[in-house]
Amino acid sequence: LFERCLDTVTSPQDFCESWYRCEHGFADLRRGNVEEWLAWGMFHKHDYENEMNHEERAELSDIVDRFEEACRKDPSCKHDDFRFPEGYNDKAILMKFSGEPVHHQH
C-alpha cells in the first residue's frame, strides 16, 4: 500500500511537508515526526509509541527508511545520504484530520 501511495506523489518532500504546520517546513521534521505521520496514515494509530506492537514498529521503521530513500531520489533533495535527524520536533504540528477534535461555532 505504501509503495502504491508513494507512486502517486511527484515530490515526497512537498507531500510530507503539506501535512504539517511548522516554521521551516520539511527542514523542521525529525524521524519521530515522520514516524507519527506514517503511523497515523498507514496504521491509523494516533499514539504510535504506545499503540503499536513490535511487528508494527518494525514495519513502520522500514516504511520510514523507504520514504527517506524516496526523498533521496527527489531532484530537489540536495543530499545523496539524506536521513531524517533522530528525535521529535514538538513545534512541527501534524494535521491528523481523523484524530483532531472538531470545534463548533454558531
PDB file of N, CA and C in Angstrom:
ATOM      1  N   LEU A   1       0.826  -1.192   0.000  1.00  0.00           N
ATOM      2  CA  LEU A   1       0.000   0.000   0.000  1.00  0.00           C
ATOM      3  C   LEU A   1       0.873   1.260   0.000  1.00  0.00           C
ATOM      4  N   PHE A   2       1.917   1.238   0.821  1.00  0.00           N
ATOM      5  CA  PHE A   2       2.787   2.414   0.898  1.00  0.00           C
ATOM      6  C   PHE A   2       3.394   2.735  -0.464  1.00  0.00           C
ATOM      7  N   GLU A   3       3.893   1.720  -1.146  1.00  0.00           N
ATOM      8  CA  GLU A   3       4.510   1.941  -2.462  1.00  0.00           C
ATOM      9  C   GLU A   3       3.501   2.500  -3.456  1.00  0.00           C
ATOM     10  N   ARG A   4       2.276   1.992  -3.430  1.00  0.00           N
ATOM     11  CA  ARG A   4       1.239   2.491  -4.334  1.00  0.00           C
ATOM     12  C   ARG A   4       0.931   3.951  -4.038  1.00  0.00           C
ATOM     13  N   CYS A   5       0.872   4.309  -2.767  1.00  0.00           N
ATOM     14  CA  CYS A   5       0.635   5.714  -2.403  1.00  0.00           C
ATOM     15  C   CYS A   5       1.794   6.591  -2.868  1.00  0.00           C
ATOM     16  N   LEU A   6       3.002   6.134  -2.626  1.00  0.00           N
ATOM     17  CA  LEU A   6       4.183   6.912  -2.979  1.00  0.00           C
ATOM     18  C   LEU A   6       4.301   7.118  -4.488  1.00  0.00           C
ATOM     19  N   ASP A   7       3.832   6.146  -5.261  1.00  0.00           N
ATOM     20  CA  ASP A   7       3.877   6.264  -6.720  1.00  0.00           C
ATOM     21  C   ASP A   7       3.036   7.428  -7.243  1.00  0.00           C
ATOM     22  N   THR A   8       2.081   7.896  -6.472  1.00  0.00           N
ATOM     23  CA  THR A   8       1.211   8.994  -6.915  1.00  0.00           C
ATOM     24  C   THR A   8       1.765  10.365  -6.549  1.00  0.00           C
ATOM     25  N   VAL A   9       2.874  10.394  -5.832  1.00  0.00           N
ATOM     26  CA  VAL A   9       3.441  11.642  -5.311  1.00  0.00           C
ATOM     27  C   VAL A   9       4.577  12.109  -6.215  1.00  0.00           C
ATOM     28  N   THR A  10       4.515  13.373  -6.659  1.00  0.00           N
ATOM     29  CA  THR A  10       5.595  13.896  -7.504  1.00  0.00           C
ATOM     30  C   THR A  10       6.802  14.333  -6.688  1.00  0.00           C
ATOM     31  N   SER A  11       6.575  14.851  -5.482  1.00  0.00           N
ATOM     32  CA  SER A  11       7.677  15.251  -4.608  1.00  0.00           C
ATOM     33  C   SER A  11       7.399  14.748  -3.199  1.00  0.00           C
ATOM     34  N   PRO A  12       8.110  13.717  -2.753  1.00  0.00           N
ATOM     35  CA  PRO A  12       7.885  13.211  -1.393  1.00  0.00           C
ATOM     36  C   PRO A  12       8.062  14.288  -0.328  1.00  0.00           C
ATOM     37  N   GLN A  13       9.042  15.158  -0.522  1.00  0.00           N
ATOM     38  CA  GLN A  13       9.284  16.205   0.468  1.00  0.00           C
ATOM     39  C   GLN A  13       8.104  17.168   0.562  1.00  0.00           C
ATOM     40  N   ASP A  14       7.603  17.616  -0.588  1.00  0.00           N
ATOM     41  CA  ASP A  14       6.466  18.535  -0.577  1.00  0.00           C
ATOM     42  C   ASP A  14       5.229  17.867   0.003  1.00  0.00           C
ATOM     43  N   PHE A  15       5.007  16.597  -0.356  1.00  0.00           N
ATOM     44  CA  PHE A  15       3.844  15.884   0.148  1.00  0.00           C
ATOM     45  C   PHE A  15       3.907  15.757   1.664  1.00  0.00           C
ATOM     46  N   CYS A  16       5.036  15.337   2.176  1.00  0.00           N
ATOM     47  CA  CYS A  16       5.209  15.190   3.619  1.00  0.00           C
ATOM     48  C   CYS A  16       5.015  16.529   4.320  1.00  0.00           C
ATOM     49  N   GLU A  17       5.645  17.549   3.814  1.00  0.00           N
ATOM     50  CA  GLU A  17       5.570  18.878   4.410  1.00  0.00           C
ATOM     51  C   GLU A  17       4.134  19.404   4.458  1.00  0.00           C
ATOM     52  N   SER A  18       3.309  19.013   3.487  1.00  0.00           N
ATOM     53  CA  SER A  18       1.946  19.526   3.423  1.00  0.00           C
ATOM     54  C   SER A  18       1.066  19.051   4.578  1.00  0.00           C
ATOM     55  N   TRP A  19       1.508  18.044   5.323  1.00  0.00           N
ATOM     56  CA  TRP A  19       0.742  17.521   6.448  1.00  0.00           C
ATOM     57  C   TRP A  19       1.085  18.217   7.764  1.00  0.00           C
ATOM     58  N   TYR A  20       1.999  19.170   7.711  1.00  0.00           N
ATOM     59  CA  TYR A  20       2.481  19.802   8.947  1.00  0.00           C
ATOM     60  C   TYR A  20       2.289  21.308   8.938  1.00  0.00           C
ATOM     61  N   ARG A  21       2.122  21.839  10.139  1.00  0.00           N
ATOM     62  CA  ARG A  21       2.217  23.276  10.371  1.00  0.00           C
ATOM     63  C   ARG A  21       3.525  23.470  11.121  1.00  0.00           C
ATOM     64  N   CYS A  22       4.493  24.093  10.450  1.00  0.00           N
ATOM     65  CA  CYS A  22       5.778  24.334  11.090  1.00  0.00           C
ATOM     66  C   CYS A  22       6.468  25.507  10.407  1.00  0.00           C
ATOM     67  N   GLU A  23       7.381  26.103  11.118  1.00  0.00           N
ATOM     68  CA  GLU A  23       8.022  27.339  10.667  1.00  0.00           C
ATOM     69  C   GLU A  23       8.870  27.160   9.414  1.00  0.00           C
ATOM     70  N   HIS A  24       9.698  26.139   9.384  1.00  0.00           N
ATOM     71  CA  HIS A  24      10.648  25.971   8.277  1.00  0.00           C
ATOM     72  C   HIS A  24      10.322  24.780   7.378  1.00  0.00           C
ATOM     73  N   GLY A  25       9.121  24.268   7.468  1.00  0.00           N
ATOM     74  CA  GLY A  25       8.697  23.189   6.587  1.00  0.00           C
ATOM     75  C   GLY A  25       9.456  21.896   6.807  1.00  0.00           C
ATOM     76  N   PHE A  26       9.825  21.266   5.723  1.00  0.00           N
ATOM     77  CA  PHE A  26      10.451  19.947   5.733  1.00  0.00           C
ATOM     78  C   PHE A  26      11.694  19.904   6.616  1.00  0.00           C
ATOM     79  N   ALA A  27      12.443  20.980   6.665  1.00  0.00           N
ATOM     80  CA  ALA A  27      13.675  21.025   7.459  1.00  0.00           C
ATOM     81  C   ALA A  27      13.398  20.895   8.959  1.00  0.00           C
ATOM     82  N   ASP A  28      12.176  21.193   9.391  1.00  0.00           N
ATOM     83  CA  ASP A  28      11.827  21.088  10.809  1.00  0.00           C
ATOM     84  C   ASP A  28      11.546  19.657  11.251  1.00  0.00           C
ATOM     85  N   LEU A  29      11.323  18.762  10.317  1.00  0.00           N
ATOM     86  CA  LEU A  29      10.873  17.416  10.663  1.00  0.00           C
ATOM     87  C   LEU A  29      12.020  16.521  11.110  1.00  0.00           C
ATOM     88  N   ARG A  30      11.727  15.722  12.108  1.00  0.00           N
ATOM     89  CA  ARG A  30      12.654  14.730  12.637  1.00  0.00           C
ATOM     90  C   ARG A  30      12.061  13.345  12.381  1.00  0.00           C
ATOM     91  N   ARG A  31      12.842  12.323  12.574  1.00  0.00           N
ATOM     92  CA  ARG A  31      12.362  10.962  12.311  1.00  0.00           C
ATOM     93  C   ARG A  31      11.098  10.654  13.112  1.00  0.00           C
ATOM     94  N   GLY A  32      11.044  11.090  14.354  1.00  0.00           N
ATOM     95  CA  GLY A  32       9.855  10.853  15.176  1.00  0.00           C
ATOM     96  C   GLY A  32       8.611  11.503  14.601  1.00  0.00           C
ATOM     97  N   ASN A  33       8.756  12.675  13.995  1.00  0.00           N
ATOM     98  CA  ASN A  33       7.604  13.335  13.364  1.00  0.00           C
ATOM     99  C   ASN A  33       7.091  12.507  12.192  1.00  0.00           C
ATOM    100  N   VAL A  34       8.022  11.995  11.401  1.00  0.00           N
ATOM    101  CA  VAL A  34       7.632  11.210  10.225  1.00  0.00           C
ATOM    102  C   VAL A  34       7.047   9.870  10.667  1.00  0.00           C
ATOM    103  N   GLU A  35       7.586   9.278  11.719  1.00  0.00           N
ATOM    104  CA  GLU A  35       7.002   8.050  12.264  1.00  0.00           C
ATOM    105  C   GLU A  35       5.561   8.308  12.712  1.00  0.00           C
ATOM    106  N   GLU A  36       5.334   9.424  13.383  1.00  0.00           N
ATOM    107  CA  GLU A  36       3.988   9.775  13.840  1.00  0.00           C
ATOM    108  C   GLU A  36       3.027   9.896  12.651  1.00  0.00           C
ATOM    109  N   TRP A  37       3.458  10.598  11.599  1.00  0.00           N
ATOM    110  CA  TRP A  37       2.628  10.805  10.408  1.00  0.00           C
ATOM    111  C   TRP A  37       2.297   9.481   9.729  1.00  0.00           C
ATOM    112  N   LEU A  38       3.317   8.651   9.506  1.00  0.00           N
ATOM    113  CA  LEU A  38       3.093   7.398   8.800  1.00  0.00           C
ATOM    114  C   LEU A  38       2.366   6.363   9.664  1.00  0.00           C
ATOM    115  N   ALA A  39       2.551   6.405  10.977  1.00  0.00           N
ATOM    116  CA  ALA A  39       1.786   5.510  11.860  1.00  0.00           C
ATOM    117  C   ALA A  39       0.304   5.856  11.781  1.00  0.00           C
ATOM    118  N   TRP A  40       0.004   7.130  11.749  1.00  0.00           N
ATOM    119  CA  TRP A  40      -1.383   7.561  11.622  1.00  0.00           C
ATOM    120  C   TRP A  40      -1.925   7.215  10.227  1.00  0.00           C
ATOM    121  N   GLY A  41      -1.159   7.546   9.193  1.00  0.00           N
ATOM    122  CA  GLY A  41      -1.635   7.361   7.830  1.00  0.00           C
ATOM    123  C   GLY A  41      -1.696   5.921   7.368  1.00  0.00           C
ATOM    124  N   MET A  42      -0.761   5.094   7.809  1.00  0.00           N
ATOM    125  CA  MET A  42      -0.693   3.716   7.320  1.00  0.00           C
ATOM    126  C   MET A  42      -1.310   2.702   8.287  1.00  0.00           C
ATOM    127  N   PHE A  43      -1.309   3.016   9.587  1.00  0.00           N
ATOM    128  CA  PHE A  43      -1.791   2.069  10.589  1.00  0.00           C
ATOM    129  C   PHE A  43      -2.990   2.590  11.383  1.00  0.00           C
ATOM    130  N   HIS A  44      -3.356   3.830  11.167  1.00  0.00           N
ATOM    131  CA  HIS A  44      -4.424   4.509  11.911  1.00  0.00           C
ATOM    132  C   HIS A  44      -4.157   4.461  13.419  1.00  0.00           C
ATOM    133  N   LYS A  45      -2.929   4.784  13.785  1.00  0.00           N
ATOM    134  CA  LYS A  45      -2.524   4.844  15.188  1.00  0.00           C
ATOM    135  C   LYS A  45      -2.281   6.300  15.546  1.00  0.00           C
ATOM    136  N   HIS A  46      -2.983   6.775  16.559  1.00  0.00           N
ATOM    137  CA  HIS A  46      -2.851   8.180  16.961  1.00  0.00           C
ATOM    138  C   HIS A  46      -1.742   8.369  18.001  1.00  0.00           C
ATOM    139  N   ASP A  47      -1.491   7.372  18.797  1.00  0.00           N
ATOM    140  CA  ASP A  47      -0.421   7.414  19.803  1.00  0.00           C
ATOM    141  C   ASP A  47       0.519   6.256  19.490  1.00  0.00           C
ATOM    142  N   TYR A  48       1.298   6.442  18.431  1.00  0.00           N
ATOM    143  CA  TYR A  48       2.059   5.325  17.873  1.00  0.00           C
ATOM    144  C   TYR A  48       3.043   4.703  18.857  1.00  0.00           C
ATOM    145  N   GLU A  49       3.593   5.485  19.754  1.00  0.00           N
ATOM    146  CA  GLU A  49       4.579   4.931  20.678  1.00  0.00           C
ATOM    147  C   GLU A  49       3.952   3.927  21.655  1.00  0.00           C
ATOM    148  N   ASN A  50       2.670   4.120  21.967  1.00  0.00           N
ATOM    149  CA  ASN A  50       2.001   3.239  22.930  1.00  0.00           C
ATOM    150  C   ASN A  50       1.036   2.251  22.286  1.00  0.00           C
ATOM    151  N   GLU A  51       0.591   2.513  21.074  1.00  0.00           N
ATOM    152  CA  GLU A  51      -0.431   1.678  20.441  1.00  0.00           C
ATOM    153  C   GLU A  51       0.131   0.602  19.512  1.00  0.00           C
ATOM    154  N   MET A  52       1.380   0.705  19.131  1.00  0.00           N
ATOM    155  CA  MET A  52       1.920  -0.223  18.138  1.00  0.00           C
ATOM    156  C   MET A  52       2.704  -1.351  18.802  1.00  0.00           C
ATOM    157  N   ASN A  53       2.485  -2.581  18.303  1.00  0.00           N
ATOM    158  CA  ASN A  53       3.247  -3.710  18.815  1.00  0.00           C
ATOM    159  C   ASN A  53       4.615  -3.764  18.107  1.00  0.00           C
ATOM    160  N   HIS A  54       5.419  -4.727  18.499  1.00  0.00           N
ATOM    161  CA  HIS A  54       6.790  -4.828  17.984  1.00  0.00           C
ATOM    162  C   HIS A  54       6.826  -4.989  16.459  1.00  0.00           C
ATOM    163  N   GLU A  55       5.962  -5.847  15.917  1.00  0.00           N
ATOM    164  CA  GLU A  55       5.952  -6.076  14.471  1.00  0.00           C
ATOM    165  C   GLU A  55       5.545  -4.814  13.708  1.00  0.00           C
ATOM    166  N   GLU A  56       4.545  -4.117  14.230  1.00  0.00           N
ATOM    167  CA  GLU A  56       4.112  -2.872  13.580  1.00  0.00           C
ATOM    168  C   GLU A  56       5.212  -1.817  13.633  1.00  0.00           C
ATOM    169  N   ARG A  57       5.914  -1.733  14.763  1.00  0.00           N
ATOM    170  CA  ARG A  57       7.020  -0.765  14.885  1.00  0.00           C
ATOM    171  C   ARG A  57       8.131  -1.094  13.888  1.00  0.00           C
ATOM    172  N   ALA A  58       8.428  -2.364  13.710  1.00  0.00           N
ATOM    173  CA  ALA A  58       9.457  -2.764  12.745  1.00  0.00           C
ATOM    174  C   ALA A  58       9.021  -2.406  11.329  1.00  0.00           C
ATOM    175  N   GLU A  59       7.757  -2.654  11.013  1.00  0.00           N
ATOM    176  CA  GLU A  59       7.250  -2.304   9.682  1.00  0.00           C
ATOM    177  C   GLU A  59       7.253  -0.793   9.481  1.00  0.00           C
ATOM    178  N   LEU A  60       6.877  -0.048  10.524  1.00  0.00           N
ATOM    179  CA  LEU A  60       6.903   1.409  10.437  1.00  0.00           C
ATOM    180  C   LEU A  60       8.316   1.915  10.178  1.00  0.00           C
ATOM    181  N   SER A  61       9.291   1.365  10.861  1.00  0.00           N
ATOM    182  CA  SER A  61      10.682   1.756  10.661  1.00  0.00           C
ATOM    183  C   SER A  61      11.111   1.506   9.218  1.00  0.00           C
ATOM    184  N   ASP A  62      10.703   0.371   8.677  1.00  0.00           N
ATOM    185  CA  ASP A  62      11.010   0.049   7.282  1.00  0.00           C
ATOM    186  C   ASP A  62      10.347   1.053   6.330  1.00  0.00           C
ATOM    187  N   ILE A  63       9.123   1.435   6.614  1.00  0.00           N
ATOM    188  CA  ILE A  63       8.412   2.404   5.767  1.00  0.00           C
ATOM    189  C   ILE A  63       9.114   3.758   5.815  1.00  0.00           C
ATOM    190  N   VAL A  64       9.538   4.181   7.000  1.00  0.00           N
ATOM    191  CA  VAL A  64      10.262   5.454   7.106  1.00  0.00           C
ATOM    192  C   VAL A  64      11.567   5.382   6.326  1.00  0.00           C
ATOM    193  N   ASP A  65      12.270   4.255   6.408  1.00  0.00           N
ATOM    194  CA  ASP A  65      13.504   4.078   5.630  1.00  0.00           C
ATOM    195  C   ASP A  65      13.229   4.203   4.134  1.00  0.00           C
ATOM    196  N   ARG A  66      12.150   3.581   3.674  1.00  0.00           N
ATOM    197  CA  ARG A  66      11.797   3.654   2.250  1.00  0.00           C
ATOM    198  C   ARG A  66      11.375   5.073   1.863  1.00  0.00           C
ATOM    199  N   PHE A  67      10.742   5.788   2.777  1.00  0.00           N
ATOM    200  CA  PHE A  67      10.382   7.177   2.492  1.00  0.00           C
ATOM    201  C   PHE A  67      11.637   8.040   2.378  1.00  0.00           C
ATOM    202  N   GLU A  68      12.605   7.806   3.249  1.00  0.00           N
ATOM    203  CA  GLU A  68      13.879   8.526   3.147  1.00  0.00           C
ATOM    204  C   GLU A  68      14.539   8.246   1.801  1.00  0.00           C
ATOM    205  N   GLU A  69      14.483   7.004   1.365  1.00  0.00           N
ATOM    206  CA  GLU A  69      15.053   6.648   0.060  1.00  0.00           C
ATOM    207  C   GLU A  69      14.342   7.409  -1.063  1.00  0.00           C
ATOM    208  N   ALA A  70      13.022   7.493  -0.981  1.00  0.00           N
ATOM    209  CA  ALA A  70      12.263   8.248  -1.984  1.00  0.00           C
ATOM    210  C   ALA A  70      12.655   9.722  -1.961  1.00  0.00           C
ATOM    211  N   CYS A  71      12.889  10.261  -0.784  1.00  0.00           N
ATOM    212  CA  CYS A  71      13.326  11.659  -0.672  1.00  0.00           C
ATOM    213  C   CYS A  71      14.690  11.857  -1.317  1.00  0.00           C
ATOM    214  N   ARG A  72      15.599  10.889  -1.133  1.00  0.00           N
ATOM    215  CA  ARG A  72      16.934  10.995  -1.745  1.00  0.00           C
ATOM    216  C   ARG A  72      16.848  11.000  -3.265  1.00  0.00           C
ATOM    217  N   LYS A  73      15.859  10.307  -3.822  1.00  0.00           N
ATOM    218  CA  LYS A  73      15.682  10.251  -5.275  1.00  0.00           C
ATOM    219  C   LYS A  73      15.009  11.503  -5.830  1.00  0.00           C
ATOM    220  N   ASP A  74      14.399  12.287  -4.960  1.00  0.00           N
ATOM    221  CA  ASP A  74      13.714  13.516  -5.376  1.00  0.00           C
ATOM    222  C   ASP A  74      14.765  14.519  -5.872  1.00  0.00           C
ATOM    223  N   PRO A  75      14.600  15.074  -7.086  1.00  0.00           N
ATOM    224  CA  PRO A  75      15.576  16.036  -7.613  1.00  0.00           C
ATOM    225  C   PRO A  75      15.805  17.243  -6.711  1.00  0.00           C
ATOM    226  N   SER A  76      14.830  17.595  -5.881  1.00  0.00           N
ATOM    227  CA  SER A  76      15.013  18.755  -5.005  1.00  0.00           C
ATOM    228  C   SER A  76      15.845  18.436  -3.766  1.00  0.00           C
ATOM    229  N   CYS A  77      16.146  17.154  -3.546  1.00  0.00           N
ATOM    230  CA  CYS A  77      16.973  16.752  -2.402  1.00  0.00           C
ATOM    231  C   CYS A  77      18.433  17.065  -2.717  1.00  0.00           C
ATOM    232  N   LYS A  78      19.075  17.728  -1.795  1.00  0.00           N
ATOM    233  CA  LYS A  78      20.458  18.141  -2.017  1.00  0.00           C
ATOM    234  C   LYS A  78      21.477  17.191  -1.372  1.00  0.00           C
ATOM    235  N   HIS A  79      20.992  16.096  -0.794  1.00  0.00           N
ATOM    236  CA  HIS A  79      21.883  15.181  -0.088  1.00  0.00           C
ATOM    237  C   HIS A  79      21.660  13.750  -0.557  1.00  0.00           C
ATOM    238  N   ASP A  80      22.693  13.129  -1.109  1.00  0.00           N
ATOM    239  CA  ASP A  80      22.603  11.733  -1.540  1.00  0.00           C
ATOM    240  C   ASP A  80      22.436  10.771  -0.367  1.00  0.00           C
ATOM    241  N   ASP A  81      22.807  11.231   0.829  1.00  0.00           N
ATOM    242  CA  ASP A  81      22.725  10.378   2.013  1.00  0.00           C
ATOM    243  C   ASP A  81      21.652  10.873   2.984  1.00  0.00           C
ATOM    244  N   PHE A  82      20.595  11.502   2.449  1.00  0.00           N
ATOM    245  CA  PHE A  82      19.564  12.105   3.293  1.00  0.00           C
ATOM    246  C   PHE A  82      18.963  11.102   4.277  1.00  0.00           C
ATOM    247  N   ARG A  83      18.868  11.520   5.513  1.00  0.00           N
ATOM    248  CA  ARG A  83      18.155  10.807   6.576  1.00  0.00           C
ATOM    249  C   ARG A  83      17.509  11.875   7.463  1.00  0.00           C
ATOM    250  N   PHE A  84      16.329  11.562   7.986  1.00  0.00           N
ATOM    251  CA  PHE A  84      15.735  12.478   8.951  1.00  0.00           C
ATOM    252  C   PHE A  84      16.569  12.465  10.213  1.00  0.00           C
ATOM    253  N   PRO A  85      16.830  13.623  10.793  1.00  0.00           N
ATOM    254  CA  PRO A  85      17.547  13.634  12.071  1.00  0.00           C
ATOM    255  C   PRO A  85      16.737  12.881  13.123  1.00  0.00           C
ATOM    256  N   GLU A  86      17.425  12.204  14.021  1.00  0.00           N
ATOM    257  CA  GLU A  86      16.738  11.489  15.102  1.00  0.00           C
ATOM    258  C   GLU A  86      16.003  12.490  15.990  1.00  0.00           C
ATOM    259  N   GLY A  87      15.011  11.997  16.704  1.00  0.00           N
ATOM    260  CA  GLY A  87      14.283  12.823  17.651  1.00  0.00           C
ATOM    261  C   GLY A  87      12.901  13.206  17.161  1.00  0.00           C
ATOM    262  N   TYR A  88      12.334  14.178  17.833  1.00  0.00           N
ATOM    263  CA  TYR A  88      10.980  14.629  17.558  1.00  0.00           C
ATOM    264  C   TYR A  88      10.927  16.133  17.790  1.00  0.00           C
ATOM    265  N   ASN A  89      10.379  16.867  16.840  1.00  0.00           N
ATOM    266  CA  ASN A  89      10.233  18.315  16.974  1.00  0.00           C
ATOM    267  C   ASN A  89       8.787  18.611  17.344  1.00  0.00           C
ATOM    268  N   ASP A  90       8.547  18.980  18.601  1.00  0.00           N
ATOM    269  CA  ASP A  90       7.175  19.212  19.043  1.00  0.00           C
ATOM    270  C   ASP A  90       6.583  20.506  18.500  1.00  0.00           C
ATOM    271  N   LYS A  91       7.380  21.300  17.795  1.00  0.00           N
ATOM    272  CA  LYS A  91       6.854  22.518  17.157  1.00  0.00           C
ATOM    273  C   LYS A  91       6.328  22.239  15.751  1.00  0.00           C
ATOM    274  N   ALA A  92       6.582  21.054  15.223  1.00  0.00           N
ATOM    275  CA  ALA A  92       6.044  20.634  13.924  1.00  0.00           C
ATOM    276  C   ALA A  92       4.734  19.901  14.210  1.00  0.00           C
ATOM    277  N   ILE A  93       3.629  20.565  13.943  1.00  0.00           N
ATOM    278  CA  ILE A  93       2.310  20.041  14.300  1.00  0.00           C
ATOM    279  C   ILE A  93       1.722  19.260  13.130  1.00  0.00           C
ATOM    280  N   LEU A  94       1.489  17.967  13.355  1.00  0.00           N
ATOM    281  CA  LEU A  94       0.888  17.103  12.345  1.00  0.00           C
ATOM    282  C   LEU A  94      -0.616  17.339  12.307  1.00  0.00           C
ATOM    283  N   MET A  95      -1.153  17.514  11.124  1.00  0.00           N
ATOM    284  CA  MET A  95      -2.586  17.724  10.954  1.00  0.00           C
ATOM    285  C   MET A  95      -3.261  16.374  10.701  1.00  0.00           C
ATOM    286  N   LYS A  96      -3.663  15.714  11.784  1.00  0.00           N
ATOM    287  CA  LYS A  96      -4.341  14.417  11.702  1.00  0.00           C
ATOM    288  C   LYS A  96      -5.845  14.683  11.722  1.00  0.00           C
ATOM    289  N   PHE A  97      -6.422  14.800  10.562  1.00  0.00           N
ATOM    290  CA  PHE A  97      -7.814  15.202  10.463  1.00  0.00           C
ATOM    291  C   PHE A  97      -8.772  14.231  11.137  1.00  0.00           C
ATOM    292  N   SER A  98      -8.454  12.965  11.162  1.00  0.00           N
ATOM    293  CA  SER A  98      -9.357  11.995  11.785  1.00  0.00           C
ATOM    294  C   SER A  98      -9.128  11.884  13.288  1.00  0.00           C
ATOM    295  N   GLY A  99      -8.171  12.577  13.810  1.00  0.00           N
ATOM    296  CA  GLY A  99      -7.872  12.471  15.235  1.00  0.00           C
ATOM    297  C   GLY A  99      -7.975  13.770  16.004  1.00  0.00           C
ATOM    298  N   GLU A 100      -8.241  14.853  15.313  1.00  0.00           N
ATOM    299  CA  GLU A 100      -8.331  16.145  15.978  1.00  0.00           C
ATOM    300  C   GLU A 100      -9.790  16.466  16.307  1.00  0.00           C
ATOM    301  N   PRO A 101     -10.012  17.119  17.427  1.00  0.00           N
ATOM    302  CA  PRO A 101     -11.391  17.477  17.776  1.00  0.00           C
ATOM    303  C   PRO A 101     -11.955  18.513  16.810  1.00  0.00           C
ATOM    304  N   VAL A 102     -13.252  18.470  16.643  1.00  0.00           N
ATOM    305  CA  VAL A 102     -13.946  19.445  15.805  1.00  0.00           C
ATOM    306  C   VAL A 102     -14.595  20.464  16.750  1.00  0.00           C
ATOM    307  N   HIS A 103     -14.275  21.721  16.563  1.00  0.00           N
ATOM    308  CA  HIS A 103     -14.841  22.797  17.383  1.00  0.00           C
ATOM    309  C   HIS A 103     -15.947  23.474  16.607  1.00  0.00           C
ATOM    310  N   HIS A 104     -17.129  23.480  17.191  1.00  0.00           N
ATOM    311  CA  HIS A 104     -18.289  24.055  16.513  1.00  0.00           C
ATOM    312  C   HIS A 104     -18.481  25.510  16.923  1.00  0.00           C
ATOM    313  N   GLN A 105     -18.862  26.327  15.977  1.00  0.00           N
ATOM    314  CA  GLN A 105     -19.209  27.716  16.256  1.00  0.00           C
ATOM    315  C   GLN A 105     -20.554  28.014  15.632  1.00  0.00           C
ATOM    316  N   HIS A 106     -21.348  28.806  16.316  1.00  0.00           N
ATOM    317  CA  HIS A 106     -22.640  29.198  15.775  1.00  0.00           C
ATOM    318  C   HIS A 106     -22.683  30.689  15.561  1.00  0.00           C
TER     319      HIS A 106
END
